[in-house]
Every structure is written in structure tokens, then in C-alpha cells.
Amino acid sequence: MKFKYFVNSRKFSWTIVGIGFVFTLIVFFFLPSSIPIHFNAGGIADSYGDRIQIFLFPLLQLMILFLTGRKKLRYWLTHSKTFLNDIQYNWLVSGLCLLIIFVEFRVLYAAF
């Protein structure tokens, strides 16, 4: 039962961000000096950037968690036309953070 409460809480989102940040720190030192930052429709990298840009993914996740934790924004998102309860709201934020991690993995996969 504790796992169910953990997954449905805000702590799960913070864990996802923490894992992404630690993973980025570890992988950063093994990256080449230039990494792909944009892919065309065929999945082929067509733009490259410096390896420091890999930290944009964890920063984006931190911004999302910070902004979605604000009371006014949370109220607006949960009381719009489609009402969300706390569990649905937390899953929405966690899912967005997971999506960003998957995109980061794709960029890292293409870098090697």
C-alpha cells in the first residue's frame, strides 16, 4: 500500500526529476563534445549543440515541478472545465517529467 501512495503523490515526480538529474550528471562526462539537439521527421539528427545543453532537460523538469506546485496554477489546472483530483494531477505532472526523460534518453542514444 505504501508504494501506491508513493506513486500517486508528488514525491514520485520529485524522484523522477532526481533520477534524471543524477543520470545526466553521470553521463555528462562520457558525452562527446557535440550532441544532437534536433531531429527531423525521419529521426535523423540535423542540428548539434554543445554537451552542456543536456542539462536543459533536468532544468525543464525542475521548472515544471516548481510551477505546477504553485497554488494558483494548481487551482487553475484542477478546477478548469475538466476537474482533476490530486491523483490525476500528480500523474499528469509525473507523466510529463517521464516524457522529458524519454526524450533525454533519445538524445543521449543518438549522441553515442
C-alpha atoms as a PDB file:
ATOM      1  CA  MET A   1       0.000   0.000   0.000  1.00  0.00           C
ATOM      2  CA  LYS A   2       2.896   2.402   0.657  1.00  0.00           C
ATOM      3  CA  PHE A   3       4.034   2.053  -2.953  1.00  0.00           C
ATOM      4  CA  LYS A   4       0.554   3.005  -4.174  1.00  0.00           C
ATOM      5  CA  TYR A   5       0.590   6.174  -2.078  1.00  0.00           C
ATOM      6  CA  PHE A   6       4.142   6.970  -3.171  1.00  0.00           C
ATOM      7  CA  VAL A   7       3.327   6.648  -6.881  1.00  0.00           C
ATOM      8  CA  ASN A   8       0.202   8.767  -6.508  1.00  0.00           C
ATOM      9  CA  SER A   9       1.997  11.524  -4.607  1.00  0.00           C
ATOM     10  CA  ARG A  10       4.183  14.465  -5.525  1.00  0.00           C
ATOM     11  CA  LYS A  11       7.212  12.575  -4.176  1.00  0.00           C
ATOM     12  CA  PHE A  12       7.109  10.347  -7.251  1.00  0.00           C
ATOM     13  CA  SER A  13       7.541  13.388  -9.522  1.00  0.00           C
ATOM     14  CA  TRP A  14      10.495  14.600  -7.451  1.00  0.00           C
ATOM     15  CA  THR A  15      12.032  11.114  -7.634  1.00  0.00           C
ATOM     16  CA  ILE A  16      11.746  11.139 -11.436  1.00  0.00           C
ATOM     17  CA  VAL A  17      13.468  14.525 -11.592  1.00  0.00           C
ATOM     18  CA  GLY A  18      16.176  13.364  -9.180  1.00  0.00           C
ATOM     19  CA  ILE A  19      16.878  10.231 -11.216  1.00  0.00           C
ATOM     20  CA  GLY A  20      17.051  12.295 -14.397  1.00  0.00           C
ATOM     21  CA  PHE A  21      19.448  14.804 -12.832  1.00  0.00           C
ATOM     22  CA  VAL A  22      21.760  12.109 -11.413  1.00  0.00           C
ATOM     23  CA  PHE A  23      21.712  10.246 -14.730  1.00  0.00           C
ATOM     24  CA  THR A  24      22.590  13.442 -16.582  1.00  0.00           C
ATOM     25  CA  LEU A  25      25.473  14.160 -14.218  1.00  0.00           C
ATOM     26  CA  ILE A  26      26.894  10.669 -14.683  1.00  0.00           C
ATOM     27  CA  VAL A  27      26.524  10.584 -18.464  1.00  0.00           C
ATOM     28  CA  PHE A  28      27.784  14.140 -18.980  1.00  0.00           C
ATOM     29  CA  PHE A  29      31.421  13.159 -18.583  1.00  0.00           C
ATOM     30  CA  PHE A  30      31.137  10.430 -21.210  1.00  0.00           C
ATOM     31  CA  LEU A  31      29.408  12.535 -23.866  1.00  0.00           C
ATOM     32  CA  PRO A  32      31.209  13.752 -26.970  1.00  0.00           C
ATOM     33  CA  SER A  33      31.766  17.498 -27.243  1.00  0.00           C
ATOM     34  CA  SER A  34      28.833  17.863 -29.647  1.00  0.00           C
ATOM     35  CA  ILE A  35      25.444  16.170 -29.195  1.00  0.00           C
ATOM     36  CA  PRO A  36      22.332  16.138 -31.398  1.00  0.00           C
ATOM     37  CA  ILE A  37      19.684  18.597 -30.262  1.00  0.00           C
ATOM     38  CA  HIS A  38      17.152  18.395 -33.090  1.00  0.00           C
ATOM     39  CA  PHE A  39      15.827  15.522 -35.188  1.00  0.00           C
ATOM     40  CA  ASN A  40      13.968  15.616 -38.498  1.00  0.00           C
ATOM     41  CA  ALA A  41      10.813  13.612 -39.249  1.00  0.00           C
ATOM     42  CA  GLY A  42      12.902  10.590 -40.205  1.00  0.00           C
ATOM     43  CA  GLY A  43      14.587  10.520 -36.809  1.00  0.00           C
ATOM     44  CA  ILE A  44      17.939  11.677 -38.147  1.00  0.00           C
ATOM     45  CA  ALA A  45      19.808  14.355 -36.214  1.00  0.00           C
ATOM     46  CA  ASP A  46      20.009  17.585 -38.203  1.00  0.00           C
ATOM     47  CA  SER A  47      21.274  20.031 -35.582  1.00  0.00           C
ATOM     48  CA  TYR A  48      24.013  19.700 -32.988  1.00  0.00           C
ATOM     49  CA  GLY A  49      24.939  21.587 -29.858  1.00  0.00           C
ATOM     50  CA  ASP A  50      27.427  21.597 -27.018  1.00  0.00           C
ATOM     51  CA  ARG A  51      27.194  18.790 -24.462  1.00  0.00           C
ATOM     52  CA  ILE A  52      26.335  21.235 -21.662  1.00  0.00           C
ATOM     53  CA  GLN A  53      22.897  21.567 -23.262  1.00  0.00           C
ATOM     54  CA  ILE A  54      21.986  18.115 -21.935  1.00  0.00           C
ATOM     55  CA  PHE A  55      21.293  19.865 -18.613  1.00  0.00           C
ATOM     56  CA  LEU A  56      18.320  21.646 -20.188  1.00  0.00           C
ATOM     57  CA  PHE A  57      16.225  18.502 -19.666  1.00  0.00           C
ATOM     58  CA  PRO A  58      16.579  18.374 -15.849  1.00  0.00           C
ATOM     59  CA  LEU A  59      16.161  22.156 -15.676  1.00  0.00           C
ATOM     60  CA  LEU A  60      12.947  21.907 -17.670  1.00  0.00           C
ATOM     61  CA  GLN A  61      11.700  19.219 -15.295  1.00  0.00           C
ATOM     62  CA  LEU A  62      12.538  21.386 -12.272  1.00  0.00           C
ATOM     63  CA  MET A  63      10.673  24.335 -13.788  1.00  0.00           C
ATOM     64  CA  ILE A  64       7.627  22.162 -14.441  1.00  0.00           C
ATOM     65  CA  LEU A  65       7.619  20.823 -10.886  1.00  0.00           C
ATOM     66  CA  PHE A  66       8.108  24.266  -9.411  1.00  0.00           C
ATOM     67  CA  LEU A  67       5.388  25.893 -11.481  1.00  0.00           C
ATOM     68  CA  THR A  68       2.861  23.075 -11.047  1.00  0.00           C
ATOM     69  CA  GLY A  69       3.397  23.207  -7.292  1.00  0.00           C
ATOM     70  CA  ARG A  70       2.226  26.812  -7.099  1.00  0.00           C
ATOM     71  CA  LYS A  71      -1.223  27.043  -5.510  1.00  0.00           C
ATOM     72  CA  LYS A  72      -2.776  29.424  -8.045  1.00  0.00           C
ATOM     73  CA  LEU A  73      -1.651  27.401 -11.054  1.00  0.00           C
ATOM     74  CA  ARG A  74      -2.635  24.136  -9.396  1.00  0.00           C
ATOM     75  CA  TYR A  75      -6.097  25.526  -8.622  1.00  0.00           C
ATOM     76  CA  TRP A  76      -6.485  26.743 -12.202  1.00  0.00           C
ATOM     77  CA  LEU A  77      -5.435  23.361 -13.649  1.00  0.00           C
ATOM     78  CA  THR A  78      -7.592  21.282 -11.301  1.00  0.00           C
ATOM     79  CA  HIS A  79     -10.710  23.472 -11.469  1.00  0.00           C
ATOM     80  CA  SER A  80     -10.954  24.172 -15.171  1.00  0.00           C
ATOM     81  CA  LYS A  81     -13.665  22.644 -17.389  1.00  0.00           C
ATOM     82  CA  THR A  82     -12.339  19.146 -16.660  1.00  0.00           C
ATOM     83  CA  PHE A  83     -11.893  18.710 -12.936  1.00  0.00           C
ATOM     84  CA  LEU A  84      -8.818  16.758 -11.818  1.00  0.00           C
ATOM     85  CA  ASN A  85      -8.384  15.224  -8.400  1.00  0.00           C
ATOM     86  CA  ASP A  86      -4.979  15.204  -6.688  1.00  0.00           C
ATOM     87  CA  ILE A  87      -4.010  11.756  -8.004  1.00  0.00           C
ATOM     88  CA  GLN A  88      -4.833  12.660 -11.602  1.00  0.00           C
ATOM     89  CA  TYR A  89      -2.942  15.940 -11.252  1.00  0.00           C
ATOM     90  CA  ASN A  90       0.135  14.201  -9.849  1.00  0.00           C
ATOM     91  CA  TRP A  91       0.045  11.618 -12.647  1.00  0.00           C
ATOM     92  CA  LEU A  92      -0.184  14.413 -15.218  1.00  0.00           C
ATOM     93  CA  VAL A  93       2.935  16.099 -13.817  1.00  0.00           C
ATOM     94  CA  SER A  94       4.798  12.778 -13.390  1.00  0.00           C
ATOM     95  CA  GLY A  95       3.894  11.736 -16.932  1.00  0.00           C
ATOM     96  CA  LEU A  96       5.229  14.993 -18.317  1.00  0.00           C
ATOM     97  CA  CYS A  97       8.500  14.518 -16.415  1.00  0.00           C
ATOM     98  CA  LEU A  98       8.756  10.933 -17.688  1.00  0.00           C
ATOM     99  CA  LEU A  99       8.224  12.143 -21.249  1.00  0.00           C
ATOM    100  CA  ILE A 100      11.106  14.587 -20.841  1.00  0.00           C
ATOM    101  CA  ILE A 101      13.348  11.784 -19.537  1.00  0.00           C
ATOM    102  CA  PHE A 102      12.489   9.626 -22.545  1.00  0.00           C
ATOM    103  CA  VAL A 103      13.385  12.495 -24.879  1.00  0.00           C
ATOM    104  CA  GLU A 104      16.649  12.916 -22.987  1.00  0.00           C
ATOM    105  CA  PHE A 105      17.389   9.195 -23.420  1.00  0.00           C
ATOM    106  CA  ARG A 106      16.746   9.518 -27.155  1.00  0.00           C
ATOM    107  CA  VAL A 107      19.190  12.398 -27.425  1.00  0.00           C
ATOM    108  CA  LEU A 108      21.794  10.508 -25.421  1.00  0.00           C
ATOM    109  CA  TYR A 109      21.286   7.387 -27.511  1.00  0.00           C
ATOM    110  CA  ALA A 110      21.839   9.375 -30.699  1.00  0.00           C
ATOM    111  CA  ALA A 111      24.930  11.047 -29.190  1.00  0.00           C
ATOM    112  CA  PHE A 112      26.720   7.724 -28.820  1.00  0.00           C
END
